[in-house]
């Protein structure tokens, strides 16, 4: 159970970081 939770947290963190970097790199795309 702990491994699954750790994997889920890592996945969520990676998704958050990717979205943050995309917003910084593409300000036009986030202005929809």
N, C-alpha and C. Protein backbone atom coordinates (compact mmCIF):
# COMPACT_ATOMS: atom_id res chain seq x y z
N UNK A 1 0.84 -1.21 0.00
CA UNK A 1 0.00 0.00 0.00
C UNK A 1 0.87 1.26 0.00
N UNK A 2 1.95 1.20 0.76
CA UNK A 2 2.83 2.39 0.83
C UNK A 2 3.47 2.66 -0.53
N UNK A 3 3.87 1.60 -1.21
CA UNK A 3 4.49 1.77 -2.53
C UNK A 3 3.52 2.41 -3.51
N UNK A 4 2.27 1.97 -3.47
CA UNK A 4 1.26 2.52 -4.39
C UNK A 4 1.03 3.99 -4.10
N UNK A 5 0.97 4.32 -2.82
CA UNK A 5 0.74 5.73 -2.45
C UNK A 5 1.92 6.58 -2.89
N UNK A 6 3.12 6.05 -2.70
CA UNK A 6 4.32 6.81 -3.09
C UNK A 6 4.33 7.05 -4.60
N UNK A 7 3.96 6.02 -5.35
CA UNK A 7 3.93 6.14 -6.81
C UNK A 7 2.89 7.17 -7.23
N UNK A 8 1.74 7.15 -6.58
CA UNK A 8 0.67 8.10 -6.92
C UNK A 8 1.10 9.53 -6.63
N UNK A 9 1.77 9.74 -5.50
CA UNK A 9 2.24 11.09 -5.13
C UNK A 9 3.29 11.57 -6.14
N UNK A 10 4.20 10.67 -6.52
CA UNK A 10 5.24 11.04 -7.48
C UNK A 10 4.61 11.41 -8.82
N UNK A 11 3.61 10.65 -9.23
CA UNK A 11 2.94 10.92 -10.50
C UNK A 11 2.25 12.28 -10.46
N UNK A 12 1.57 12.57 -9.36
CA UNK A 12 0.86 13.85 -9.23
C UNK A 12 1.86 15.00 -9.22
N UNK A 13 2.98 14.80 -8.52
CA UNK A 13 3.99 15.86 -8.44
C UNK A 13 4.58 16.13 -9.83
N UNK A 14 4.87 15.05 -10.58
CA UNK A 14 5.44 15.20 -11.92
C UNK A 14 4.45 15.93 -12.83
N UNK A 15 3.17 15.57 -12.74
CA UNK A 15 2.15 16.22 -13.56
C UNK A 15 2.07 17.71 -13.24
N UNK A 16 2.16 18.04 -11.94
CA UNK A 16 2.09 19.44 -11.52
C UNK A 16 3.29 20.22 -12.05
N UNK A 17 4.47 19.61 -11.98
CA UNK A 17 5.69 20.30 -12.45
C UNK A 17 5.61 20.52 -13.96
N UNK A 18 5.14 19.52 -14.69
CA UNK A 18 5.03 19.64 -16.15
C UNK A 18 4.09 20.77 -16.52
N UNK A 19 2.95 20.84 -15.84
CA UNK A 19 1.99 21.91 -16.14
C UNK A 19 2.58 23.27 -15.82
N UNK A 20 3.32 23.36 -14.72
CA UNK A 20 3.91 24.63 -14.32
C UNK A 20 4.93 25.09 -15.36
N UNK A 21 5.78 24.17 -15.81
CA UNK A 21 6.80 24.54 -16.79
C UNK A 21 6.15 24.92 -18.12
N UNK A 22 5.09 24.21 -18.51
CA UNK A 22 4.42 24.53 -19.77
C UNK A 22 3.81 25.92 -19.71
N UNK A 23 3.27 26.29 -18.56
CA UNK A 23 2.68 27.63 -18.44
C UNK A 23 3.76 28.69 -18.56
N UNK A 24 4.93 28.44 -17.98
CA UNK A 24 6.01 29.43 -18.03
C UNK A 24 6.56 29.54 -19.45
N UNK A 25 6.65 28.41 -20.15
CA UNK A 25 7.22 28.42 -21.50
C UNK A 25 6.21 28.90 -22.54
N UNK A 26 4.92 28.62 -22.31
CA UNK A 26 3.90 29.00 -23.29
C UNK A 26 2.83 29.88 -22.63
N UNK A 27 3.09 31.16 -22.46
CA UNK A 27 2.10 32.05 -21.84
C UNK A 27 0.87 32.24 -22.72
N UNK A 28 1.05 32.11 -24.03
CA UNK A 28 -0.07 32.30 -24.95
C UNK A 28 -1.07 31.15 -24.80
N UNK A 29 -0.55 29.95 -24.61
CA UNK A 29 -1.42 28.78 -24.53
C UNK A 29 -2.26 28.83 -23.26
N UNK A 30 -1.75 29.43 -22.19
CA UNK A 30 -2.49 29.47 -20.93
C UNK A 30 -3.50 30.60 -20.91
N UNK A 31 -3.48 31.46 -21.94
CA UNK A 31 -4.41 32.61 -21.98
C UNK A 31 -5.69 32.28 -22.71
N UNK A 32 -6.02 30.99 -22.82
CA UNK A 32 -7.23 30.59 -23.55
C UNK A 32 -8.46 31.16 -22.87
